[in-house]
Each structure stands twice: as C-alpha cells, then as structure tokens.
N, C-alpha and C. Protein backbone atom coordinates (compact mmCIF):
# COMPACT_ATOMS: atom_id res chain seq x y z
N UNK A 1 -74.24 32.36 -40.65
CA UNK A 1 -74.28 33.76 -40.99
C UNK A 1 -73.88 34.57 -39.78
N UNK A 2 -73.26 35.64 -40.06
CA UNK A 2 -72.86 36.53 -38.97
C UNK A 2 -73.99 37.49 -38.66
N UNK A 3 -73.85 38.18 -37.55
CA UNK A 3 -74.91 39.11 -37.16
C UNK A 3 -74.99 40.29 -38.13
N UNK A 4 -73.88 40.66 -38.75
CA UNK A 4 -73.95 41.75 -39.73
C UNK A 4 -74.67 41.31 -40.99
N UNK A 5 -74.57 40.02 -41.38
CA UNK A 5 -75.30 39.49 -42.53
C UNK A 5 -76.79 39.42 -42.27
N UNK A 6 -77.16 39.02 -41.06
CA UNK A 6 -78.57 38.97 -40.69
C UNK A 6 -79.14 40.38 -40.60
N UNK A 7 -78.34 41.29 -40.08
CA UNK A 7 -78.77 42.69 -39.98
C UNK A 7 -79.02 43.28 -41.37
N UNK A 8 -78.13 43.00 -42.30
CA UNK A 8 -78.29 43.49 -43.67
C UNK A 8 -79.51 42.85 -44.33
N UNK A 9 -79.69 41.55 -44.10
CA UNK A 9 -80.82 40.84 -44.68
C UNK A 9 -82.15 41.37 -44.13
N UNK A 10 -82.20 41.70 -42.86
CA UNK A 10 -83.44 42.23 -42.29
C UNK A 10 -83.76 43.63 -42.78
N UNK A 11 -82.77 44.34 -43.26
CA UNK A 11 -83.04 45.67 -43.83
C UNK A 11 -83.35 45.59 -45.31
N UNK A 12 -82.71 44.69 -46.03
CA UNK A 12 -82.87 44.62 -47.48
C UNK A 12 -84.15 43.87 -47.87
N UNK A 13 -84.47 42.79 -47.16
CA UNK A 13 -85.62 41.98 -47.52
C UNK A 13 -86.95 42.75 -47.47
N UNK A 14 -87.26 43.51 -46.43
CA UNK A 14 -88.51 44.29 -46.46
C UNK A 14 -88.53 45.34 -47.58
N UNK A 15 -87.39 45.96 -47.84
CA UNK A 15 -87.34 46.94 -48.93
C UNK A 15 -87.56 46.27 -50.27
N UNK A 16 -86.98 45.08 -50.44
CA UNK A 16 -87.16 44.34 -51.69
C UNK A 16 -88.62 43.91 -51.86
N UNK A 17 -89.24 43.44 -50.80
CA UNK A 17 -90.66 43.08 -50.86
C UNK A 17 -91.53 44.29 -51.18
N UNK A 18 -91.18 45.42 -50.63
CA UNK A 18 -91.94 46.64 -50.90
C UNK A 18 -91.79 47.07 -52.35
N UNK A 19 -90.59 47.01 -52.89
CA UNK A 19 -90.33 47.44 -54.27
C UNK A 19 -91.01 46.50 -55.27
N UNK A 20 -91.00 45.20 -55.00
CA UNK A 20 -91.61 44.24 -55.93
C UNK A 20 -93.09 44.04 -55.62
N UNK A 21 -93.46 43.99 -54.38
CA UNK A 21 -94.83 43.68 -53.99
C UNK A 21 -95.82 44.80 -54.21
N UNK A 22 -95.42 46.04 -53.98
CA UNK A 22 -96.35 47.16 -54.13
C UNK A 22 -96.86 47.31 -55.56
N UNK A 23 -96.00 47.31 -56.58
CA UNK A 23 -96.54 47.39 -57.95
C UNK A 23 -97.40 46.19 -58.32
N UNK A 24 -97.01 45.00 -57.86
CA UNK A 24 -97.81 43.81 -58.16
C UNK A 24 -99.18 43.90 -57.49
N UNK A 25 -99.23 44.39 -56.26
CA UNK A 25 -100.50 44.54 -55.55
C UNK A 25 -101.37 45.60 -56.22
N UNK A 26 -100.78 46.70 -56.67
CA UNK A 26 -101.55 47.74 -57.37
C UNK A 26 -102.11 47.23 -58.69
N UNK A 27 -101.31 46.46 -59.41
CA UNK A 27 -101.77 45.89 -60.67
C UNK A 27 -102.94 44.94 -60.44
N UNK A 28 -102.83 44.07 -59.44
CA UNK A 28 -103.91 43.14 -59.12
C UNK A 28 -105.17 43.90 -58.70
N UNK A 29 -105.02 44.91 -57.87
CA UNK A 29 -106.16 45.68 -57.38
C UNK A 29 -106.84 46.44 -58.52
N UNK A 30 -106.04 46.98 -59.44
CA UNK A 30 -106.57 47.72 -60.58
C UNK A 30 -107.39 46.81 -61.49
N UNK A 31 -106.89 45.62 -61.76
CA UNK A 31 -107.61 44.67 -62.63
C UNK A 31 -108.89 44.16 -61.98
N UNK A 32 -108.84 43.86 -60.71
CA UNK A 32 -110.03 43.33 -60.05
C UNK A 32 -111.10 44.40 -59.90
N UNK A 33 -110.72 45.66 -59.76
CA UNK A 33 -111.70 46.74 -59.64
C UNK A 33 -112.43 47.00 -60.94
N UNK A 34 -111.74 46.88 -62.09
CA UNK A 34 -112.37 47.15 -63.38
C UNK A 34 -113.33 46.04 -63.79
N UNK A 35 -113.08 44.82 -63.35
CA UNK A 35 -113.96 43.73 -63.76
C UNK A 35 -115.33 43.85 -63.11
N UNK A 36 -115.44 44.52 -61.99
CA UNK A 36 -116.72 44.68 -61.31
C UNK A 36 -117.56 45.79 -61.93
N UNK A 37 -116.94 46.71 -62.65
CA UNK A 37 -117.67 47.82 -63.26
C UNK A 37 -118.34 47.34 -64.54
N UNK A 38 -119.52 47.87 -64.81
CA UNK A 38 -120.18 47.57 -66.07
C UNK A 38 -120.01 48.78 -66.99
N UNK A 39 -119.68 48.51 -68.22
CA UNK A 39 -119.49 49.59 -69.18
C UNK A 39 -120.83 49.93 -69.80
N UNK A 40 -121.16 51.20 -69.80
CA UNK A 40 -122.42 51.64 -70.38
C UNK A 40 -122.24 52.20 -71.79
N UNK A 41 -121.02 52.44 -72.22
CA UNK A 41 -120.76 52.99 -73.54
C UNK A 41 -119.97 51.95 -74.34
N UNK A 42 -120.51 51.58 -75.52
CA UNK A 42 -119.82 50.63 -76.38
C UNK A 42 -119.89 51.10 -77.82
N UNK A 43 -118.82 50.88 -78.57
CA UNK A 43 -118.83 51.12 -80.00
C UNK A 43 -119.10 49.77 -80.65
N UNK A 44 -120.31 49.62 -81.20
CA UNK A 44 -120.72 48.35 -81.77
C UNK A 44 -120.07 48.08 -83.11
N UNK A 45 -120.02 49.09 -83.96
CA UNK A 45 -119.45 48.93 -85.29
C UNK A 45 -118.85 50.25 -85.73
N UNK A 46 -117.85 50.18 -86.60
CA UNK A 46 -117.17 51.39 -87.06
C UNK A 46 -116.72 51.19 -88.50
N UNK A 47 -116.85 52.24 -89.29
CA UNK A 47 -116.39 52.21 -90.68
C UNK A 47 -115.62 53.50 -90.96
N UNK A 48 -114.44 53.36 -91.52
CA UNK A 48 -113.62 54.52 -91.83
C UNK A 48 -113.80 54.97 -93.27
N UNK A 49 -113.70 56.27 -93.49
CA UNK A 49 -113.79 56.85 -94.82
C UNK A 49 -112.58 57.75 -95.02
N UNK A 50 -111.52 57.22 -95.55
CA UNK A 50 -110.33 58.02 -95.76
C UNK A 50 -109.45 58.09 -94.53
N UNK A 51 -108.61 59.11 -94.50
CA UNK A 51 -107.62 59.23 -93.42
C UNK A 51 -108.23 59.63 -92.09
N UNK A 52 -109.18 60.54 -92.11
CA UNK A 52 -109.64 61.08 -90.82
C UNK A 52 -111.16 61.17 -90.69
N UNK A 53 -111.90 60.43 -91.48
CA UNK A 53 -113.36 60.47 -91.37
C UNK A 53 -113.88 59.06 -91.11
N UNK A 54 -114.85 58.94 -90.21
CA UNK A 54 -115.43 57.64 -89.89
C UNK A 54 -116.83 57.80 -89.34
N UNK A 55 -117.60 56.72 -89.40
CA UNK A 55 -118.91 56.66 -88.76
C UNK A 55 -118.90 55.44 -87.85
N UNK A 56 -119.69 55.52 -86.77
CA UNK A 56 -119.74 54.41 -85.82
C UNK A 56 -121.13 54.32 -85.22
N UNK A 57 -121.49 53.11 -84.83
CA UNK A 57 -122.71 52.89 -84.06
C UNK A 57 -122.29 52.80 -82.60
N UNK A 58 -122.81 53.72 -81.80
CA UNK A 58 -122.45 53.80 -80.38
C UNK A 58 -123.68 53.43 -79.56
N UNK A 59 -123.49 52.52 -78.61
CA UNK A 59 -124.57 52.14 -77.70
C UNK A 59 -124.30 52.72 -76.33
N UNK A 60 -125.29 53.43 -75.79
CA UNK A 60 -125.22 53.98 -74.44
C UNK A 60 -126.46 53.49 -73.71
N UNK A 61 -126.25 52.66 -72.69
CA UNK A 61 -127.35 51.99 -71.98
C UNK A 61 -128.21 51.25 -73.01
N UNK A 62 -129.44 51.64 -73.21
CA UNK A 62 -130.31 50.94 -74.16
C UNK A 62 -130.50 51.71 -75.46
N UNK A 63 -129.81 52.82 -75.63
CA UNK A 63 -129.97 53.64 -76.83
C UNK A 63 -128.81 53.41 -77.79
N UNK A 64 -129.09 53.56 -79.10
CA UNK A 64 -128.06 53.41 -80.13
C UNK A 64 -128.03 54.69 -80.96
N UNK A 65 -126.82 55.14 -81.30
CA UNK A 65 -126.63 56.36 -82.07
C UNK A 65 -125.71 56.08 -83.24
N UNK A 66 -125.98 56.72 -84.38
CA UNK A 66 -125.07 56.71 -85.51
C UNK A 66 -124.29 58.02 -85.43
N UNK A 67 -122.98 57.91 -85.24
CA UNK A 67 -122.13 59.07 -85.00
C UNK A 67 -121.10 59.15 -86.11
N UNK A 68 -120.84 60.35 -86.59
CA UNK A 68 -119.82 60.57 -87.60
C UNK A 68 -118.75 61.51 -87.07
N UNK A 69 -117.52 61.29 -87.50
CA UNK A 69 -116.42 62.15 -87.04
C UNK A 69 -115.47 62.40 -88.19
N UNK A 70 -114.84 63.54 -88.12
CA UNK A 70 -113.85 63.93 -89.11
C UNK A 70 -112.91 64.96 -88.53
N UNK A 71 -112.25 65.69 -89.39
CA UNK A 71 -111.30 66.69 -88.93
C UNK A 71 -111.98 67.82 -88.17
N UNK A 72 -113.23 68.09 -88.48
CA UNK A 72 -113.95 69.20 -87.86
C UNK A 72 -114.58 68.85 -86.52
N UNK A 73 -114.68 67.56 -86.18
CA UNK A 73 -115.27 67.17 -84.90
C UNK A 73 -116.17 65.96 -85.04
N UNK A 74 -116.93 65.69 -83.98
CA UNK A 74 -117.84 64.55 -83.91
C UNK A 74 -119.27 65.06 -83.98
N UNK A 75 -120.11 64.40 -84.80
CA UNK A 75 -121.50 64.82 -84.98
C UNK A 75 -122.43 63.63 -84.85
N UNK A 76 -123.59 63.87 -84.26
CA UNK A 76 -124.64 62.86 -84.20
C UNK A 76 -125.36 62.87 -85.54
N UNK A 77 -125.39 61.72 -86.19
CA UNK A 77 -126.07 61.63 -87.48
C UNK A 77 -127.52 61.23 -87.28
N UNK A 78 -127.75 60.20 -86.46
CA UNK A 78 -129.11 59.73 -86.28
C UNK A 78 -129.23 58.92 -85.00
N UNK A 79 -130.43 58.89 -84.45
CA UNK A 79 -130.75 58.03 -83.32
C UNK A 79 -131.31 56.74 -83.91
N UNK A 80 -130.73 55.60 -83.56
CA UNK A 80 -131.15 54.32 -84.10
C UNK A 80 -132.06 53.60 -83.11
N UNK A 81 -132.78 52.61 -83.60
CA UNK A 81 -133.65 51.83 -82.73
C UNK A 81 -132.81 50.87 -81.90
N UNK A 82 -133.28 50.52 -80.70
CA UNK A 82 -132.56 49.54 -79.88
C UNK A 82 -132.53 48.17 -80.55
N UNK A 83 -131.56 47.35 -80.18
CA UNK A 83 -131.39 46.04 -80.79
C UNK A 83 -132.61 45.16 -80.56
N UNK A 84 -133.23 45.24 -79.40
CA UNK A 84 -134.41 44.42 -79.10
C UNK A 84 -135.55 44.73 -80.06
N UNK A 85 -135.73 45.99 -80.41
CA UNK A 85 -136.78 46.38 -81.35
C UNK A 85 -136.47 45.83 -82.74
N UNK A 86 -135.20 45.90 -83.14
CA UNK A 86 -134.81 45.39 -84.45
C UNK A 86 -135.01 43.89 -84.53
N UNK A 87 -134.67 43.16 -83.46
CA UNK A 87 -134.84 41.71 -83.46
C UNK A 87 -136.32 41.33 -83.52
N UNK A 88 -137.17 42.06 -82.80
CA UNK A 88 -138.60 41.75 -82.85
C UNK A 88 -139.18 42.07 -84.22
N UNK A 89 -138.69 43.11 -84.85
CA UNK A 89 -139.15 43.43 -86.21
C UNK A 89 -138.69 42.37 -87.20
N UNK A 90 -137.47 41.87 -87.02
CA UNK A 90 -136.96 40.85 -87.93
C UNK A 90 -137.78 39.57 -87.82
N UNK A 91 -138.23 39.23 -86.62
CA UNK A 91 -139.05 38.04 -86.44
C UNK A 91 -140.43 38.22 -87.05
N UNK A 92 -141.00 39.41 -86.95
CA UNK A 92 -142.37 39.62 -87.42
C UNK A 92 -142.43 40.12 -88.86
N UNK A 93 -141.31 40.51 -89.44
CA UNK A 93 -141.35 41.05 -90.80
C UNK A 93 -141.44 39.93 -91.82
N UNK A 94 -141.94 40.29 -92.97
CA UNK A 94 -142.03 39.34 -94.07
C UNK A 94 -141.54 40.03 -95.34
N UNK A 95 -141.48 39.25 -96.41
CA UNK A 95 -141.05 39.82 -97.69
C UNK A 95 -142.05 40.87 -98.14
N UNK A 96 -143.31 40.68 -97.86
CA UNK A 96 -144.34 41.61 -98.30
C UNK A 96 -144.13 43.00 -97.70
N UNK A 97 -143.83 43.07 -96.42
CA UNK A 97 -143.63 44.38 -95.81
C UNK A 97 -142.30 45.00 -96.21
N UNK A 98 -141.35 44.17 -96.60
CA UNK A 98 -140.05 44.70 -97.01
C UNK A 98 -140.10 45.35 -98.38
N UNK A 99 -141.08 44.97 -99.21
CA UNK A 99 -141.16 45.49 -100.57
C UNK A 99 -142.01 46.74 -100.71
N UNK A 100 -142.51 47.27 -99.62
CA UNK A 100 -143.34 48.47 -99.69
C UNK A 100 -142.45 49.65 -100.06
N UNK A 101 -142.78 50.37 -101.17
CA UNK A 101 -141.97 51.53 -101.53
C UNK A 101 -142.16 52.66 -100.52
N UNK A 102 -141.09 53.33 -100.21
CA UNK A 102 -141.14 54.43 -99.25
C UNK A 102 -140.63 55.69 -99.92
N UNK A 103 -141.29 56.82 -99.63
CA UNK A 103 -140.85 58.08 -100.24
C UNK A 103 -139.56 58.57 -99.59
N UNK A 104 -138.82 59.32 -100.36
CA UNK A 104 -137.62 59.93 -99.81
C UNK A 104 -138.02 61.08 -98.91
N UNK A 105 -137.35 61.26 -97.79
CA UNK A 105 -137.71 62.37 -96.91
C UNK A 105 -137.43 63.72 -97.56
N UNK A 106 -138.31 64.66 -97.33
CA UNK A 106 -138.16 66.00 -97.87
C UNK A 106 -137.37 66.84 -96.88
N UNK A 107 -136.31 67.47 -97.36
CA UNK A 107 -135.49 68.30 -96.47
C UNK A 107 -135.26 69.65 -97.11
N UNK A 108 -135.01 70.63 -96.29
CA UNK A 108 -134.69 71.97 -96.76
C UNK A 108 -133.20 72.26 -96.64
N UNK A 109 -132.42 71.28 -96.20
CA UNK A 109 -131.00 71.50 -95.98
C UNK A 109 -130.24 71.34 -97.29
N UNK A 110 -129.11 71.99 -97.38
CA UNK A 110 -128.25 71.85 -98.54
C UNK A 110 -127.07 70.98 -98.18
N UNK A 111 -126.44 70.43 -99.18
CA UNK A 111 -125.27 69.59 -98.97
C UNK A 111 -124.00 70.37 -99.24
N UNK A 112 -123.89 71.54 -98.67
CA UNK A 112 -122.70 72.34 -98.90
C UNK A 112 -121.61 71.92 -97.94
N UNK A 113 -120.39 71.99 -98.41
CA UNK A 113 -119.26 71.59 -97.58
C UNK A 113 -118.56 70.40 -98.21
N UNK A 114 -117.31 70.19 -97.86
CA UNK A 114 -116.52 69.16 -98.54
C UNK A 114 -116.96 67.73 -98.24
N UNK A 115 -117.45 67.45 -97.02
CA UNK A 115 -117.75 66.07 -96.67
C UNK A 115 -119.20 65.88 -96.23
N UNK A 116 -120.06 66.83 -96.46
CA UNK A 116 -121.42 66.73 -95.98
C UNK A 116 -122.28 65.81 -96.84
N UNK A 117 -121.89 65.54 -98.06
CA UNK A 117 -122.69 64.70 -98.93
C UNK A 117 -122.84 63.29 -98.38
N UNK A 118 -121.75 62.69 -97.92
CA UNK A 118 -121.79 61.35 -97.37
C UNK A 118 -122.60 61.31 -96.08
N UNK A 119 -122.39 62.28 -95.23
CA UNK A 119 -123.13 62.33 -93.96
C UNK A 119 -124.62 62.50 -94.23
N UNK A 120 -124.97 63.36 -95.17
CA UNK A 120 -126.38 63.59 -95.48
C UNK A 120 -127.03 62.33 -96.05
N UNK A 121 -126.30 61.61 -96.92
CA UNK A 121 -126.84 60.36 -97.46
C UNK A 121 -127.06 59.33 -96.37
N UNK A 122 -126.15 59.26 -95.40
CA UNK A 122 -126.33 58.34 -94.28
C UNK A 122 -127.54 58.74 -93.44
N UNK A 123 -127.75 60.05 -93.26
CA UNK A 123 -128.93 60.51 -92.53
C UNK A 123 -130.20 60.10 -93.25
N UNK A 124 -130.23 60.27 -94.55
CA UNK A 124 -131.43 59.94 -95.32
C UNK A 124 -131.71 58.45 -95.30
N UNK A 125 -130.65 57.62 -95.24
CA UNK A 125 -130.86 56.18 -95.19
C UNK A 125 -131.40 55.73 -93.84
N UNK A 126 -131.15 56.48 -92.78
CA UNK A 126 -131.58 56.04 -91.45
C UNK A 126 -132.86 56.69 -90.98
N UNK A 127 -133.40 57.65 -91.73
CA UNK A 127 -134.65 58.31 -91.34
C UNK A 127 -135.80 57.36 -91.60
N UNK A 128 -136.67 57.21 -90.63
CA UNK A 128 -137.82 56.33 -90.78
C UNK A 128 -139.01 57.12 -91.32
N UNK A 129 -139.60 56.60 -92.37
CA UNK A 129 -140.74 57.28 -92.98
C UNK A 129 -141.90 56.29 -93.06
N UNK A 130 -143.12 56.82 -93.09
CA UNK A 130 -144.29 55.95 -93.22
C UNK A 130 -144.44 55.56 -94.68
N UNK A 131 -145.16 54.49 -94.90
CA UNK A 131 -145.37 54.03 -96.27
C UNK A 131 -146.39 54.91 -96.97
N UNK A 132 -146.29 54.97 -98.28
CA UNK A 132 -147.24 55.75 -99.07
C UNK A 132 -148.57 55.04 -99.15
N UNK A 133 -149.67 55.74 -98.88
CA UNK A 133 -150.97 55.09 -99.04
C UNK A 133 -151.26 54.85 -100.51
N UNK A 134 -151.91 53.73 -100.78
CA UNK A 134 -152.30 53.45 -102.16
C UNK A 134 -151.30 52.63 -102.94
N UNK A 135 -150.24 52.15 -102.34
CA UNK A 135 -149.27 51.34 -103.05
C UNK A 135 -149.39 49.90 -102.60
N UNK A 136 -149.36 49.02 -103.56
CA UNK A 136 -149.40 47.59 -103.26
C UNK A 136 -147.99 47.10 -102.99
N UNK A 137 -147.84 46.24 -102.00
CA UNK A 137 -146.51 45.79 -101.65
C UNK A 137 -146.01 44.67 -102.53
N UNK A 138 -146.89 43.94 -103.21
CA UNK A 138 -146.46 42.80 -104.00
C UNK A 138 -146.17 43.20 -105.44
N UNK A 139 -147.10 43.84 -106.09
CA UNK A 139 -146.93 44.15 -107.50
C UNK A 139 -146.20 45.46 -107.74
N UNK A 140 -146.19 46.35 -106.75
CA UNK A 140 -145.53 47.63 -106.92
C UNK A 140 -146.37 48.64 -107.68
N UNK A 141 -147.62 48.27 -108.03
CA UNK A 141 -148.49 49.18 -108.76
C UNK A 141 -149.45 49.86 -107.80
N UNK A 142 -149.91 51.02 -108.23
CA UNK A 142 -150.85 51.77 -107.40
C UNK A 142 -152.23 51.15 -107.50
N UNK A 143 -152.93 51.10 -106.35
CA UNK A 143 -154.28 50.51 -106.33
C UNK A 143 -155.30 51.42 -106.92
C-alpha cells in the first residue's frame, strides 16, 4: 500500500467505526437500561366494546383498578381487590358461601347518556355488598 492509501484508510476507518458503532452502542445501552427498571403499571386484561370503547384491569404497584375508556375519555369504574386477597379468598371459599344471595346496591344515579348503561352495569357487578341477614345459603329460603 502506498502512503496515500494508508492515509485515506486512517481517516475513513475511524469515521466508519463511529457511524456504525455509535448507533449499535446506543441500542445496546438503551436495552440494558430498560431491563433494570421495574414496571409498576401493567394492563392485566382488556376487553373492547365496539370501535372506540373498552374496559381494562390496570395494576399499579399492589392496587388493581377497573378502568373504562371511550371517545369521551378514560374513567375509573371501580377499585378491585389485590390478587393476593382474591387467591386467599378462593382457597378459603366454599360452595356454601358462594350461594349466599346478595342484594343489589341502591344508587341514586341515572343511566343517562349513550354508553353509560354498560359502565353502570360493570360498576354494579364489582361493588361489594354484605350478605342479607336471615337468608340460608344452602336452601335459599329465609330462616
């Protein structure tokens, strides 16, 4: 090689390494940095209703929320119990406690609006109510 070829190579090679190496190094650094972070917000489940309406279960740290969204925005429907509480209830629950009739919650709100009926029904399904006194869980008859 001549000295002009070596001179050209010494100028081109560092520039080529910089052009190829810098993006590769940034990509590697970006991936390794994200793996160390823990995500505190997760969408556990999601169900769509039509073109632009959906509900989702969102977990933030140890809390769970039922969230609904549509064309008008995002709304909190209900605060759900943590997964650990649900698992402990599933272990301790029996058929007898599952058959206890529960009253429907009394509300003063109206279901006015084009899409509020579905949201309201989901709210009513997730509201926790105490059992009615005087009801038998097995026969379904009043004591």
